[in-house]
Amino acid sequence: VESGGGLVQPGGSLRLSCAASGMLFSIYNMGWYRQ
């Protein structure tokens, strides 16, 4: 479940979150990609 995106002015800030379930989270390498 990803959240935190939106519209922001140049120079502004956002915090994205990605809540995972159904996996042993602690053993995974995690990343953020963009397209």
PDB file of all heavy atoms in Angstrom:
ATOM      1  N   VAL A   1       0.872  -1.173   0.000  1.00  0.00           N
ATOM      2  CA  VAL A   1       0.000   0.000   0.000  1.00  0.00           C
ATOM      3  C   VAL A   1       0.908   1.221   0.000  1.00  0.00           C
ATOM      4  O   VAL A   1       1.577   1.507   0.985  1.00  0.00           O
ATOM      5  CB  VAL A   1      -0.930   0.030   1.224  1.00  0.00           C
ATOM      6  CG1 VAL A   1      -1.765   1.310   1.212  1.00  0.00           C
ATOM      7  CG2 VAL A   1      -1.834  -1.198   1.219  1.00  0.00           C
ATOM      8  N   GLU A   2       0.924   1.906  -1.141  1.00  0.00           N
ATOM      9  CA  GLU A   2       1.772   3.090  -1.303  1.00  0.00           C
ATOM     10  C   GLU A   2       0.928   4.340  -1.058  1.00  0.00           C
ATOM     11  O   GLU A   2      -0.234   4.401  -1.461  1.00  0.00           O
ATOM     12  CB  GLU A   2       2.375   3.134  -2.702  1.00  0.00           C
ATOM     13  CG  GLU A   2       3.286   1.960  -2.990  1.00  0.00           C
ATOM     14  CD  GLU A   2       3.752   1.921  -4.431  1.00  0.00           C
ATOM     15  OE1 GLU A   2       3.145   2.607  -5.272  1.00  0.00           O
ATOM     16  OE2 GLU A   2       4.723   1.208  -4.717  1.00  0.00           O
ATOM     17  N   SER A   3       1.540   5.319  -0.462  1.00  0.00           N
ATOM     18  CA  SER A   3       0.831   6.566  -0.185  1.00  0.00           C
ATOM     19  C   SER A   3       1.832   7.709  -0.117  1.00  0.00           C
ATOM     20  O   SER A   3       3.043   7.480  -0.045  1.00  0.00           O
ATOM     21  CB  SER A   3       0.046   6.461   1.126  1.00  0.00           C
ATOM     22  OG  SER A   3       0.914   6.198   2.203  1.00  0.00           O
ATOM     23  N   GLY A   4       1.297   8.925  -0.135  1.00  0.00           N
ATOM     24  CA  GLY A   4       2.129  10.102   0.043  1.00  0.00           C
ATOM     25  C   GLY A   4       2.402  10.903  -1.208  1.00  0.00           C
ATOM     26  O   GLY A   4       2.982  11.986  -1.134  1.00  0.00           O
ATOM     27  N   GLY A   5       2.006  10.390  -2.351  1.00  0.00           N
ATOM     28  CA  GLY A   5       2.214  11.141  -3.574  1.00  0.00           C
ATOM     29  C   GLY A   5       1.240  12.295  -3.688  1.00  0.00           C
ATOM     30  O   GLY A   5       0.324  12.448  -2.880  1.00  0.00           O
ATOM     31  N   GLY A   6       1.445  13.131  -4.693  1.00  0.00           N
ATOM     32  CA  GLY A   6       0.556  14.257  -4.901  1.00  0.00           C
ATOM     33  C   GLY A   6       1.204  15.359  -5.691  1.00  0.00           C
ATOM     34  O   GLY A   6       2.256  15.162  -6.312  1.00  0.00           O
ATOM     35  N   LEU A   7       0.579  16.515  -5.655  1.00  0.00           N
ATOM     36  CA  LEU A   7       1.061  17.699  -6.356  1.00  0.00           C
ATOM     37  C   LEU A   7       1.785  18.601  -5.369  1.00  0.00           C
ATOM     38  O   LEU A   7       1.246  18.917  -4.291  1.00  0.00           O
ATOM     39  CB  LEU A   7      -0.111  18.445  -6.991  1.00  0.00           C
ATOM     40  CG  LEU A   7       0.193  19.799  -7.639  1.00  0.00           C
ATOM     41  CD1 LEU A   7       1.127  19.623  -8.819  1.00  0.00           C
ATOM     42  CD2 LEU A   7      -1.115  20.479  -8.064  1.00  0.00           C
ATOM     43  N   VAL A   8       2.969  19.030  -5.733  1.00  0.00           N
ATOM     44  CA  VAL A   8       3.766  19.898  -4.859  1.00  0.00           C
ATOM     45  C   VAL A   8       4.483  20.925  -5.720  1.00  0.00           C
ATOM     46  O   VAL A   8       4.809  20.652  -6.891  1.00  0.00           O
ATOM     47  CB  VAL A   8       4.756  19.064  -4.019  1.00  0.00           C
ATOM     48  CG1 VAL A   8       5.768  18.367  -4.911  1.00  0.00           C
ATOM     49  CG2 VAL A   8       5.446  19.903  -2.959  1.00  0.00           C
ATOM     50  N   GLN A   9       4.711  22.090  -5.163  1.00  0.00           N
ATOM     51  CA  GLN A   9       5.431  23.130  -5.894  1.00  0.00           C
ATOM     52  C   GLN A   9       6.935  22.850  -5.885  1.00  0.00           C
ATOM     53  O   GLN A   9       7.444  22.183  -4.973  1.00  0.00           O
ATOM     54  CB  GLN A   9       5.160  24.489  -5.262  1.00  0.00           C
ATOM     55  CG  GLN A   9       3.738  24.981  -5.432  1.00  0.00           C
ATOM     56  CD  GLN A   9       3.554  26.401  -4.931  1.00  0.00           C
ATOM     57  OE1 GLN A   9       4.347  26.911  -4.149  1.00  0.00           O
ATOM     58  NE2 GLN A   9       2.494  27.056  -5.386  1.00  0.00           N
ATOM     59  N   PRO A  10       7.627  23.365  -6.865  1.00  0.00           N
ATOM     60  CA  PRO A  10       9.102  23.222  -6.856  1.00  0.00           C
ATOM     61  C   PRO A  10       9.688  23.744  -5.550  1.00  0.00           C
ATOM     62  O   PRO A  10       9.268  24.774  -5.036  1.00  0.00           O
ATOM     63  CB  PRO A  10       9.528  24.074  -8.052  1.00  0.00           C
ATOM     64  CG  PRO A  10       8.359  24.039  -8.976  1.00  0.00           C
ATOM     65  CD  PRO A  10       7.150  24.034  -8.096  1.00  0.00           C
ATOM     66  N   GLY A  11      10.639  22.979  -5.024  1.00  0.00           N
ATOM     67  CA  GLY A  11      11.238  23.305  -3.737  1.00  0.00           C
ATOM     68  C   GLY A  11      10.538  22.689  -2.555  1.00  0.00           C
ATOM     69  O   GLY A  11      11.059  22.737  -1.429  1.00  0.00           O
ATOM     70  N   GLY A  12       9.388  22.101  -2.789  1.00  0.00           N
ATOM     71  CA  GLY A  12       8.623  21.495  -1.715  1.00  0.00           C
ATOM     72  C   GLY A  12       9.092  20.091  -1.360  1.00  0.00           C
ATOM     73  O   GLY A  12      10.078  19.591  -1.923  1.00  0.00           O
ATOM     74  N   SER A  13       8.368  19.473  -0.439  1.00  0.00           N
ATOM     75  CA  SER A  13       8.722  18.137   0.058  1.00  0.00           C
ATOM     76  C   SER A  13       7.522  17.211   0.045  1.00  0.00           C
ATOM     77  O   SER A  13       6.370  17.656   0.151  1.00  0.00           O
ATOM     78  CB  SER A  13       9.248  18.242   1.495  1.00  0.00           C
ATOM     79  OG  SER A  13      10.411  19.034   1.574  1.00  0.00           O
ATOM     80  N   LEU A  14       7.818  15.943  -0.087  1.00  0.00           N
ATOM     81  CA  LEU A  14       6.831  14.878   0.054  1.00  0.00           C
ATOM     82  C   LEU A  14       7.485  13.701   0.741  1.00  0.00           C
ATOM     83  O   LEU A  14       8.701  13.498   0.619  1.00  0.00           O
ATOM     84  CB  LEU A  14       6.290  14.424  -1.300  1.00  0.00           C
ATOM     85  CG  LEU A  14       5.298  15.323  -2.037  1.00  0.00           C
ATOM     86  CD1 LEU A  14       5.012  14.737  -3.417  1.00  0.00           C
ATOM     87  CD2 LEU A  14       4.019  15.494  -1.261  1.00  0.00           C
ATOM     88  N   ARG A  15       6.669  12.913   1.436  1.00  0.00           N
ATOM     89  CA  ARG A  15       7.154  11.674   2.036  1.00  0.00           C
ATOM     90  C   ARG A  15       6.296  10.528   1.536  1.00  0.00           C
ATOM     91  O   ARG A  15       5.097  10.478   1.804  1.00  0.00           O
ATOM     92  CB  ARG A  15       7.082  11.743   3.550  1.00  0.00           C
ATOM     93  CG  ARG A  15       7.753  10.567   4.254  1.00  0.00           C
ATOM     94  CD  ARG A  15       7.405  10.527   5.720  1.00  0.00           C
ATOM     95  NE  ARG A  15       8.263   9.638   6.484  1.00  0.00           N
ATOM     96  CZ  ARG A  15       7.883   9.046   7.633  1.00  0.00           C
ATOM     97  NH1 ARG A  15       6.685   9.268   8.112  1.00  0.00           N
ATOM     98  NH2 ARG A  15       8.726   8.273   8.262  1.00  0.00           N
ATOM     99  N   LEU A  16       6.924   9.627   0.800  1.00  0.00           N
ATOM    100  CA  LEU A  16       6.241   8.447   0.315  1.00  0.00           C
ATOM    101  C   LEU A  16       6.365   7.321   1.325  1.00  0.00           C
ATOM    102  O   LEU A  16       7.412   7.169   1.965  1.00  0.00           O
ATOM    103  CB  LEU A  16       6.819   8.005  -1.027  1.00  0.00           C
ATOM    104  CG  LEU A  16       6.847   9.048  -2.146  1.00  0.00           C
ATOM    105  CD1 LEU A  16       7.389   8.403  -3.432  1.00  0.00           C
ATOM    106  CD2 LEU A  16       5.504   9.670  -2.378  1.00  0.00           C
ATOM    107  N   SER A  17       5.304   6.519   1.420  1.00  0.00           N
ATOM    108  CA  SER A  17       5.308   5.347   2.282  1.00  0.00           C
ATOM    109  C   SER A  17       4.859   4.135   1.496  1.00  0.00           C
ATOM    110  O   SER A  17       4.030   4.245   0.587  1.00  0.00           O
ATOM    111  CB  SER A  17       4.360   5.541   3.473  1.00  0.00           C
ATOM    112  OG  SER A  17       4.743   6.631   4.269  1.00  0.00           O
ATOM    113  N   CYS A  18       5.410   3.000   1.850  1.00  0.00           N
ATOM    114  CA  CYS A  18       5.029   1.735   1.220  1.00  0.00           C
ATOM    115  C   CYS A  18       4.928   0.704   2.333  1.00  0.00           C
ATOM    116  O   CYS A  18       5.947   0.267   2.878  1.00  0.00           O
ATOM    117  CB  CYS A  18       6.057   1.326   0.183  1.00  0.00           C
ATOM    118  SG  CYS A  18       5.795  -0.319  -0.512  1.00  0.00           S
ATOM    119  N   ALA A  19       3.694   0.329   2.651  1.00  0.00           N
ATOM    120  CA  ALA A  19       3.455  -0.662   3.689  1.00  0.00           C
ATOM    121  C   ALA A  19       3.265  -2.029   3.044  1.00  0.00           C
ATOM    122  O   ALA A  19       2.411  -2.192   2.167  1.00  0.00           O
ATOM    123  CB  ALA A  19       2.222  -0.279   4.493  1.00  0.00           C
ATOM    124  N   ALA A  20       4.073  -2.985   3.462  1.00  0.00           N
ATOM    125  CA  ALA A  20       4.062  -4.315   2.873  1.00  0.00           C
ATOM    126  C   ALA A  20       3.373  -5.310   3.789  1.00  0.00           C
ATOM    127  O   ALA A  20       3.423  -5.187   5.010  1.00  0.00           O
ATOM    128  CB  ALA A  20       5.492  -4.773   2.592  1.00  0.00           C
ATOM    129  N   SER A  21       2.768  -6.308   3.169  1.00  0.00           N
ATOM    130  CA  SER A  21       2.181  -7.411   3.914  1.00  0.00           C
ATOM    131  C   SER A  21       2.351  -8.687   3.120  1.00  0.00           C
ATOM    132  O   SER A  21       2.599  -8.654   1.909  1.00  0.00           O
ATOM    133  CB  SER A  21       0.695  -7.146   4.201  1.00  0.00           C
ATOM    134  OG  SER A  21      -0.035  -7.019   3.000  1.00  0.00           O
ATOM    135  N   GLY A  22       2.243  -9.822   3.815  1.00  0.00           N
ATOM    136  CA  GLY A  22       2.358 -11.105   3.147  1.00  0.00           C
ATOM    137  C   GLY A  22       3.776 -11.533   2.846  1.00  0.00           C
ATOM    138  O   GLY A  22       3.987 -12.439   2.033  1.00  0.00           O
ATOM    139  N   MET A  23       4.739 -10.891   3.478  1.00  0.00           N
ATOM    140  CA  MET A  23       6.138 -11.239   3.250  1.00  0.00           C
ATOM    141  C   MET A  23       6.926 -11.009   4.533  1.00  0.00           C
ATOM    142  O   MET A  23       6.487 -10.250   5.404  1.00  0.00           O
ATOM    143  CB  MET A  23       6.732 -10.369   2.130  1.00  0.00           C
ATOM    144  CG  MET A  23       6.608  -8.869   2.375  1.00  0.00           C
ATOM    145  SD  MET A  23       7.173  -7.847   0.996  1.00  0.00           S
ATOM    146  CE  MET A  23       8.876  -7.611   1.468  1.00  0.00           C
ATOM    147  N   LEU A  24       8.075 -11.661   4.621  1.00  0.00           N
ATOM    148  CA  LEU A  24       8.951 -11.443   5.756  1.00  0.00           C
ATOM    149  C   LEU A  24       9.784 -10.200   5.455  1.00  0.00           C
ATOM    150  O   LEU A  24      10.884 -10.281   4.904  1.00  0.00           O
ATOM    151  CB  LEU A  24       9.835 -12.665   5.983  1.00  0.00           C
ATOM    152  CG  LEU A  24      10.723 -12.657   7.234  1.00  0.00           C
ATOM    153  CD1 LEU A  24       9.916 -12.412   8.489  1.00  0.00           C
ATOM    154  CD2 LEU A  24      11.506 -13.958   7.346  1.00  0.00           C
ATOM    155  N   PHE A  25       9.235  -9.064   5.807  1.00  0.00           N
ATOM    156  CA  PHE A  25       9.761  -7.768   5.382  1.00  0.00           C
ATOM    157  C   PHE A  25      11.244  -7.599   5.709  1.00  0.00           C
ATOM    158  O   PHE A  25      12.005  -7.077   4.896  1.00  0.00           O
ATOM    159  CB  PHE A  25       8.948  -6.663   6.053  1.00  0.00           C
ATOM    160  CG  PHE A  25       9.351  -5.267   5.676  1.00  0.00           C
ATOM    161  CD1 PHE A  25       8.870  -4.678   4.513  1.00  0.00           C
ATOM    162  CD2 PHE A  25      10.210  -4.527   6.484  1.00  0.00           C
ATOM    163  CE1 PHE A  25       9.246  -3.387   4.158  1.00  0.00           C
ATOM    164  CE2 PHE A  25      10.585  -3.242   6.139  1.00  0.00           C
ATOM    165  CZ  PHE A  25      10.095  -2.673   4.969  1.00  0.00           C
ATOM    166  N   SER A  26      11.669  -8.077   6.866  1.00  0.00           N
ATOM    167  CA  SER A  26      13.015  -7.763   7.347  1.00  0.00           C
ATOM    168  C   SER A  26      14.131  -8.362   6.502  1.00  0.00           C
ATOM    169  O   SER A  26      15.264  -7.891   6.556  1.00  0.00           O
ATOM    170  CB  SER A  26      13.168  -8.208   8.800  1.00  0.00           C
ATOM    171  OG  SER A  26      12.992  -9.597   8.899  1.00  0.00           O
ATOM    172  N   ILE A  27      13.830  -9.379   5.721  1.00  0.00           N
ATOM    173  CA  ILE A  27      14.892 -10.012   4.941  1.00  0.00           C
ATOM    174  C   ILE A  27      15.007  -9.433   3.535  1.00  0.00           C
ATOM    175  O   ILE A  27      15.942  -9.759   2.803  1.00  0.00           O
ATOM    176  CB  ILE A  27      14.712 -11.536   4.849  1.00  0.00           C
ATOM    177  CG1 ILE A  27      13.490 -11.890   3.991  1.00  0.00           C
ATOM    178  CG2 ILE A  27      14.638 -12.155   6.226  1.00  0.00           C
ATOM    179  CD1 ILE A  27      13.389 -13.386   3.696  1.00  0.00           C
ATOM    180  N   TYR A  28      14.058  -8.599   3.158  1.00  0.00           N
ATOM    181  CA  TYR A  28      14.030  -8.073   1.795  1.00  0.00           C
ATOM    182  C   TYR A  28      14.847  -6.799   1.653  1.00  0.00           C
ATOM    183  O   TYR A  28      14.887  -5.965   2.569  1.00  0.00           O
ATOM    184  CB  TYR A  28      12.596  -7.785   1.351  1.00  0.00           C
ATOM    185  CG  TYR A  28      11.860  -8.999   0.869  1.00  0.00           C
ATOM    186  CD1 TYR A  28      11.358  -9.934   1.766  1.00  0.00           C
ATOM    187  CD2 TYR A  28      11.686  -9.226  -0.489  1.00  0.00           C
ATOM    188  CE1 TYR A  28      10.703 -11.059   1.324  1.00  0.00           C
ATOM    189  CE2 TYR A  28      11.024 -10.344  -0.945  1.00  0.00           C
ATOM    190  CZ  TYR A  28      10.534 -11.261  -0.029  1.00  0.00           C
ATOM    191  OH  TYR A  28       9.887 -12.379  -0.483  1.00  0.00           O
ATOM    192  N   ASN A  29      15.475  -6.653   0.492  1.00  0.00           N
ATOM    193  CA  ASN A  29      16.023  -5.377   0.082  1.00  0.00           C
ATOM    194  C   ASN A  29      14.866  -4.570  -0.519  1.00  0.00           C
ATOM    195  O   ASN A  29      14.087  -5.101  -1.311  1.00  0.00           O
ATOM    196  CB  ASN A  29      17.113  -5.553  -0.967  1.00  0.00           C
ATOM    197  CG  ASN A  29      18.252  -6.411  -0.459  1.00  0.00           C
ATOM    198  OD1 ASN A  29      18.711  -6.248   0.674  1.00  0.00           O
ATOM    199  ND2 ASN A  29      18.688  -7.360  -1.265  1.00  0.00           N
ATOM    200  N   MET A  30      14.756  -3.310  -0.134  1.00  0.00           N
ATOM    201  CA  MET A  30      13.641  -2.481  -0.576  1.00  0.00           C
ATOM    202  C   MET A  30      14.150  -1.321  -1.420  1.00  0.00           C
ATOM    203  O   MET A  30      15.271  -0.827  -1.224  1.00  0.00           O
ATOM    204  CB  MET A  30      12.882  -1.928   0.625  1.00  0.00           C
ATOM    205  CG  MET A  30      12.328  -2.981   1.569  1.00  0.00           C
ATOM    206  SD  MET A  30      11.117  -4.068   0.792  1.00  0.00           S
ATOM    207  CE  MET A  30       9.822  -2.890   0.379  1.00  0.00           C
ATOM    208  N   GLY A  31      13.320  -0.887  -2.340  1.00  0.00           N
ATOM    209  CA  GLY A  31      13.740   0.231  -3.172  1.00  0.00           C
ATOM    210  C   GLY A  31      12.575   1.061  -3.661  1.00  0.00           C
ATOM    211  O   GLY A  31      11.415   0.616  -3.626  1.00  0.00           O
ATOM    212  N   TRP A  32      12.890   2.253  -4.078  1.00  0.00           N
ATOM    213  CA  TRP A  32      11.940   3.129  -4.756  1.00  0.00           C
ATOM    214  C   TRP A  32      12.457   3.392  -6.161  1.00  0.00           C
ATOM    215  O   TRP A  32      13.629   3.752  -6.346  1.00  0.00           O
ATOM    216  CB  TRP A  32      11.781   4.458  -4.018  1.00  0.00           C
ATOM    217  CG  TRP A  32      10.983   4.368  -2.765  1.00  0.00           C
ATOM    218  CD1 TRP A  32      11.462   4.252  -1.493  1.00  0.00           C
ATOM    219  CD2 TRP A  32       9.560   4.405  -2.651  1.00  0.00           C
ATOM    220  NE1 TRP A  32      10.423   4.192  -0.596  1.00  0.00           N
ATOM    221  CE2 TRP A  32       9.235   4.293  -1.280  1.00  0.00           C
ATOM    222  CE3 TRP A  32       8.512   4.507  -3.559  1.00  0.00           C
ATOM    223  CZ2 TRP A  32       7.920   4.291  -0.816  1.00  0.00           C
ATOM    224  CZ3 TRP A  32       7.213   4.507  -3.104  1.00  0.00           C
ATOM    225  CH2 TRP A  32       6.928   4.399  -1.743  1.00  0.00           C
ATOM    226  N   TYR A  33      11.588   3.178  -7.129  1.00  0.00           N
ATOM    227  CA  TYR A  33      11.873   3.454  -8.520  1.00  0.00           C
ATOM    228  C   TYR A  33      10.871   4.498  -9.008  1.00  0.00           C
ATOM    229  O   TYR A  33       9.833   4.729  -8.383  1.00  0.00           O
ATOM    230  CB  TYR A  33      11.727   2.191  -9.366  1.00  0.00           C
ATOM    231  CG  TYR A  33      12.805   1.156  -9.153  1.00  0.00           C
ATOM    232  CD1 TYR A  33      12.880   0.416  -7.972  1.00  0.00           C
ATOM    233  CD2 TYR A  33      13.764   0.901 -10.133  1.00  0.00           C
ATOM    234  CE1 TYR A  33      13.874  -0.529  -7.770  1.00  0.00           C
ATOM    235  CE2 TYR A  33      14.757  -0.057  -9.949  1.00  0.00           C
ATOM    236  CZ  TYR A  33      14.795  -0.763  -8.771  1.00  0.00           C
ATOM    237  OH  TYR A  33      15.776  -1.700  -8.581  1.00  0.00           O
ATOM    238  N   ARG A  34      11.189   5.096 -10.155  1.00  0.00           N
ATOM    239  CA  ARG A  34      10.232   6.020 -10.743  1.00  0.00           C
ATOM    240  C   ARG A  34      10.240   5.891 -12.254  1.00  0.00           C
ATOM    241  O   ARG A  34      11.228   5.463 -12.848  1.00  0.00           O
ATOM    242  CB  ARG A  34      10.533   7.460 -10.343  1.00  0.00           C
ATOM    243  CG  ARG A  34      11.818   8.037 -10.921  1.00  0.00           C
ATOM    244  CD  ARG A  34      12.095   9.425 -10.327  1.00  0.00           C
ATOM    245  NE  ARG A  34      13.279  10.034 -10.897  1.00  0.00           N
ATOM    246  CZ  ARG A  34      13.814  11.159 -10.453  1.00  0.00           C
ATOM    247  NH1 ARG A  34      13.259  11.809  -9.404  1.00  0.00           N
ATOM    248  NH2 ARG A  34      14.894  11.675 -11.020  1.00  0.00           N
ATOM    249  N   GLN A  35       9.111   6.261 -12.842  1.00  0.00           N
ATOM    250  CA  GLN A  35       8.990   6.225 -14.297  1.00  0.00           C
ATOM    251  C   GLN A  35       8.240   7.456 -14.757  1.00  0.00           C
ATOM    252  O   GLN A  35       7.075   7.651 -14.389  1.00  0.00           O
ATOM    253  CB  GLN A  35       8.279   4.956 -14.763  1.00  0.00           C
ATOM    254  CG  GLN A  35       8.288   4.775 -16.265  1.00  0.00           C
ATOM    255  CD  GLN A  35       7.864   3.385 -16.683  1.00  0.00           C
ATOM    256  OE1 GLN A  35       7.264   2.643 -15.917  1.00  0.00           O
ATOM    257  NE2 GLN A  35       8.198   3.014 -17.920  1.00  0.00           N
TER     258      GLN A  35
END
